Amino acid sequence: MATESEVEVTISLAELGLDEEELQKQVENLLPQLKEVDGVEDANLVTVENAPPNTKSISGFVWGLLKAQIKAAKIPTLFKFLSDRFGNKPIKIGVKAPDGRELTVEASSREEFEFALQKAQDFLNNK
């Protein structure tokens, strides 16, 4: 029996233009909500060890960065969740396919979220 593939998604809120304290509050509020999204298997803050170069951190975690493991088929659910919360604010979303390929998309409006979702789905469907 085949299992449904999981995708690693990185969500960066750093582009929101918030100071570090406000950014941390956004992340702390978003994390438990993200864990409740249908298809999300796991979600956590990004540790410094796994941080992209030139990122700021606090207490071993990167400011404004979350990672989630989600079933590939549930990517639209995640993008809708993010669009509902950040539809008019800029965020970056990184998608890492099971085969290691990576895609980064940015969105700052509902239309851009729809376009970003289409790009992510095309990326995941074209191996």
C-alpha atoms as a PDB file:
ATOM      1  CA  MET A   1       0.000   0.000   0.000  1.00  0.00           C
ATOM      2  CA  ALA A   2       1.477   3.335  -1.036  1.00  0.00           C
ATOM      3  CA  THR A   3       1.570   6.173   1.449  1.00  0.00           C
ATOM      4  CA  GLU A   4       0.753   9.710   0.483  1.00  0.00           C
ATOM      5  CA  SER A   5       3.901  11.789   0.048  1.00  0.00           C
ATOM      6  CA  GLU A   6       4.665  14.596   2.429  1.00  0.00           C
ATOM      7  CA  VAL A   7       6.030  17.982   1.503  1.00  0.00           C
ATOM      8  CA  GLU A   8       8.112  20.264   3.685  1.00  0.00           C
ATOM      9  CA  VAL A   9       6.821  23.833   3.689  1.00  0.00           C
ATOM     10  CA  THR A  10       8.717  26.783   5.154  1.00  0.00           C
ATOM     11  CA  ILE A  11       6.725  29.897   5.988  1.00  0.00           C
ATOM     12  CA  SER A  12       8.593  33.161   6.455  1.00  0.00           C
ATOM     13  CA  LEU A  13       6.803  36.059   8.108  1.00  0.00           C
ATOM     14  CA  ALA A  14       9.940  38.234   8.177  1.00  0.00           C
ATOM     15  CA  GLU A  15       8.646  40.320   5.255  1.00  0.00           C
ATOM     16  CA  LEU A  16       5.762  41.640   7.373  1.00  0.00           C
ATOM     17  CA  GLY A  17       7.965  44.543   8.488  1.00  0.00           C
ATOM     18  CA  LEU A  18       7.327  43.948  12.197  1.00  0.00           C
ATOM     19  CA  ASP A  19       9.804  44.531  14.974  1.00  0.00           C
ATOM     20  CA  GLU A  20      11.262  41.363  16.496  1.00  0.00           C
ATOM     21  CA  GLU A  21       8.827  41.237  19.432  1.00  0.00           C
ATOM     22  CA  GLU A  22       5.745  41.643  17.202  1.00  0.00           C
ATOM     23  CA  LEU A  23       7.156  39.110  14.741  1.00  0.00           C
ATOM     24  CA  GLN A  24       7.655  36.577  17.526  1.00  0.00           C
ATOM     25  CA  LYS A  25       4.055  37.120  18.691  1.00  0.00           C
ATOM     26  CA  GLN A  26       2.793  36.484  15.144  1.00  0.00           C
ATOM     27  CA  VAL A  27       4.786  33.247  14.961  1.00  0.00           C
ATOM     28  CA  GLU A  28       3.649  32.086  18.403  1.00  0.00           C
ATOM     29  CA  ASN A  29       0.012  32.763  17.459  1.00  0.00           C
ATOM     30  CA  LEU A  30       0.319  31.077  14.072  1.00  0.00           C
ATOM     31  CA  LEU A  31       2.070  27.874  15.173  1.00  0.00           C
ATOM     32  CA  PRO A  32      -0.821  26.196  17.065  1.00  0.00           C
ATOM     33  CA  GLN A  33      -3.266  27.238  14.314  1.00  0.00           C
ATOM     34  CA  LEU A  34      -0.939  25.798  11.664  1.00  0.00           C
ATOM     35  CA  LYS A  35      -0.822  22.468  13.498  1.00  0.00           C
ATOM     36  CA  GLU A  36      -4.624  22.278  13.197  1.00  0.00           C
ATOM     37  CA  VAL A  37      -4.723  22.719   9.405  1.00  0.00           C
ATOM     38  CA  ASP A  38      -6.034  19.585   7.684  1.00  0.00           C
ATOM     39  CA  GLY A  39      -3.135  17.590   6.275  1.00  0.00           C
ATOM     40  CA  VAL A  40      -0.409  19.174   8.425  1.00  0.00           C
ATOM     41  CA  GLU A  41       1.461  16.296  10.037  1.00  0.00           C
ATOM     42  CA  ASP A  42       3.860  18.454  12.068  1.00  0.00           C
ATOM     43  CA  ALA A  43       4.777  22.125  12.438  1.00  0.00           C
ATOM     44  CA  ASN A  44       7.561  23.783  14.416  1.00  0.00           C
ATOM     45  CA  LEU A  45       9.769  26.804  14.711  1.00  0.00           C
ATOM     46  CA  VAL A  46      12.953  26.592  12.642  1.00  0.00           C
ATOM     47  CA  THR A  47      16.028  25.928  14.750  1.00  0.00           C
ATOM     48  CA  VAL A  48      19.230  27.892  14.244  1.00  0.00           C
ATOM     49  CA  GLU A  49      20.967  24.719  13.009  1.00  0.00           C
ATOM     50  CA  ASN A  50      18.491  24.553  10.106  1.00  0.00           C
ATOM     51  CA  ALA A  51      18.387  28.284   9.409  1.00  0.00           C
ATOM     52  CA  PRO A  52      19.100  29.858   6.054  1.00  0.00           C
ATOM     53  CA  PRO A  53      22.225  32.056   5.973  1.00  0.00           C
ATOM     54  CA  ASN A  54      21.984  35.620   7.379  1.00  0.00           C
ATOM     55  CA  THR A  55      18.888  35.060   9.506  1.00  0.00           C
ATOM     56  CA  LYS A  56      18.306  36.472  12.975  1.00  0.00           C
ATOM     57  CA  SER A  57      17.552  34.137  15.841  1.00  0.00           C
ATOM     58  CA  ILE A  58      16.461  34.075  19.462  1.00  0.00           C
ATOM     59  CA  SER A  59      16.723  31.237  21.988  1.00  0.00           C
ATOM     60  CA  GLY A  60      17.899  28.834  19.293  1.00  0.00           C
ATOM     61  CA  PHE A  61      15.061  29.596  16.851  1.00  0.00           C
ATOM     62  CA  VAL A  62      14.915  31.780  13.753  1.00  0.00           C
ATOM     63  CA  TRP A  63      12.780  34.946  13.869  1.00  0.00           C
ATOM     64  CA  GLY A  64       9.599  34.661  11.813  1.00  0.00           C
ATOM     65  CA  LEU A  65      10.232  31.235  10.296  1.00  0.00           C
ATOM     66  CA  LEU A  66       8.086  28.103  10.626  1.00  0.00           C
ATOM     67  CA  LYS A  67       8.336  24.672   9.019  1.00  0.00           C
ATOM     68  CA  ALA A  68       5.527  22.231   8.445  1.00  0.00           C
ATOM     69  CA  GLN A  69       5.270  18.703   7.089  1.00  0.00           C
ATOM     70  CA  ILE A  70       2.074  18.395   5.078  1.00  0.00           C
ATOM     71  CA  LYS A  71       0.494  15.808   2.825  1.00  0.00           C
ATOM     72  CA  ALA A  72       1.122  16.918  -0.760  1.00  0.00           C
ATOM     73  CA  ALA A  73      -2.574  16.695  -1.624  1.00  0.00           C
ATOM     74  CA  LYS A  74      -3.396  19.178   1.165  1.00  0.00           C
ATOM     75  CA  ILE A  75      -1.205  22.019  -0.148  1.00  0.00           C
ATOM     76  CA  PRO A  76      -4.339  23.937  -1.295  1.00  0.00           C
ATOM     77  CA  THR A  77      -5.725  23.775   2.255  1.00  0.00           C
ATOM     78  CA  LEU A  78      -2.516  25.250   3.657  1.00  0.00           C
ATOM     79  CA  PHE A  79      -2.389  28.037   1.061  1.00  0.00           C
ATOM     80  CA  LYS A  80      -6.037  28.917   1.774  1.00  0.00           C
ATOM     81  CA  PHE A  81      -5.254  29.052   5.505  1.00  0.00           C
ATOM     82  CA  LEU A  82      -2.289  31.366   4.867  1.00  0.00           C
ATOM     83  CA  SER A  83      -4.244  33.509   2.407  1.00  0.00           C
ATOM     84  CA  ASP A  84      -7.060  33.941   4.944  1.00  0.00           C
ATOM     85  CA  ARG A  85      -4.581  35.174   7.562  1.00  0.00           C
ATOM     86  CA  PHE A  86      -2.071  37.056   5.421  1.00  0.00           C
ATOM     87  CA  GLY A  87      -4.020  37.831   2.231  1.00  0.00           C
ATOM     88  CA  ASN A  88      -2.786  41.422   2.048  1.00  0.00           C
ATOM     89  CA  LYS A  89       0.598  41.008   3.728  1.00  0.00           C
ATOM     90  CA  PRO A  90       3.834  39.775   2.171  1.00  0.00           C
ATOM     91  CA  ILE A  91       5.084  36.320   3.115  1.00  0.00           C
ATOM     92  CA  LYS A  92       7.449  33.797   1.549  1.00  0.00           C
ATOM     93  CA  ILE A  93       6.595  30.140   1.242  1.00  0.00           C
ATOM     94  CA  GLY A  94       9.201  27.508   0.483  1.00  0.00           C
ATOM     95  CA  VAL A  95       8.114  24.115  -0.789  1.00  0.00           C
ATOM     96  CA  LYS A  96      10.466  21.130  -0.692  1.00  0.00           C
ATOM     97  CA  ALA A  97       9.316  18.113  -2.685  1.00  0.00           C
ATOM     98  CA  PRO A  98       9.932  14.559  -1.457  1.00  0.00           C
ATOM     99  CA  ASP A  99      12.650  14.191  -4.121  1.00  0.00           C
ATOM    100  CA  GLY A 100      14.579  17.185  -2.714  1.00  0.00           C
ATOM    101  CA  ARG A 101      13.620  19.809  -5.301  1.00  0.00           C
ATOM    102  CA  GLU A 102      12.783  23.220  -3.835  1.00  0.00           C
ATOM    103  CA  LEU A 103      10.573  26.138  -4.843  1.00  0.00           C
ATOM    104  CA  THR A 104      10.127  29.509  -3.160  1.00  0.00           C
ATOM    105  CA  VAL A 105       7.091  31.664  -3.843  1.00  0.00           C
ATOM    106  CA  GLU A 106       6.052  35.028  -2.461  1.00  0.00           C
ATOM    107  CA  ALA A 107       2.561  36.374  -2.033  1.00  0.00           C
ATOM    108  CA  SER A 108       1.112  39.624  -0.727  1.00  0.00           C
ATOM    109  CA  SER A 109      -2.469  39.506  -2.001  1.00  0.00           C
ATOM    110  CA  ARG A 110      -5.179  36.904  -2.428  1.00  0.00           C
ATOM    111  CA  GLU A 111      -4.522  36.837  -6.179  1.00  0.00           C
ATOM    112  CA  GLU A 112      -0.818  36.243  -5.575  1.00  0.00           C
ATOM    113  CA  PHE A 113      -1.661  33.425  -3.143  1.00  0.00           C
ATOM    114  CA  GLU A 114      -3.764  31.778  -5.853  1.00  0.00           C
ATOM    115  CA  PHE A 115      -0.925  32.161  -8.357  1.00  0.00           C
ATOM    116  CA  ALA A 116       1.616  30.869  -5.812  1.00  0.00           C
ATOM    117  CA  LEU A 117      -0.590  27.845  -5.112  1.00  0.00           C
ATOM    118  CA  GLN A 118      -0.784  27.072  -8.829  1.00  0.00           C
ATOM    119  CA  LYS A 119       3.008  27.323  -9.112  1.00  0.00           C
ATOM    120  CA  ALA A 120       3.448  25.026  -6.089  1.00  0.00           C
ATOM    121  CA  GLN A 121       1.004  22.447  -7.455  1.00  0.00           C
ATOM    122  CA  ASP A 122       2.639  22.519 -10.897  1.00  0.00           C
ATOM    123  CA  PHE A 123       6.055  22.154  -9.231  1.00  0.00           C
ATOM    124  CA  LEU A 124       4.942  19.139  -7.170  1.00  0.00           C
ATOM    125  CA  ASN A 125       3.209  17.477 -10.134  1.00  0.00           C
ATOM    126  CA  ASN A 126       6.193  17.877 -12.520  1.00  0.00           C
ATOM    127  CA  LYS A 127       8.917  15.580 -11.260  1.00  0.00           C
END
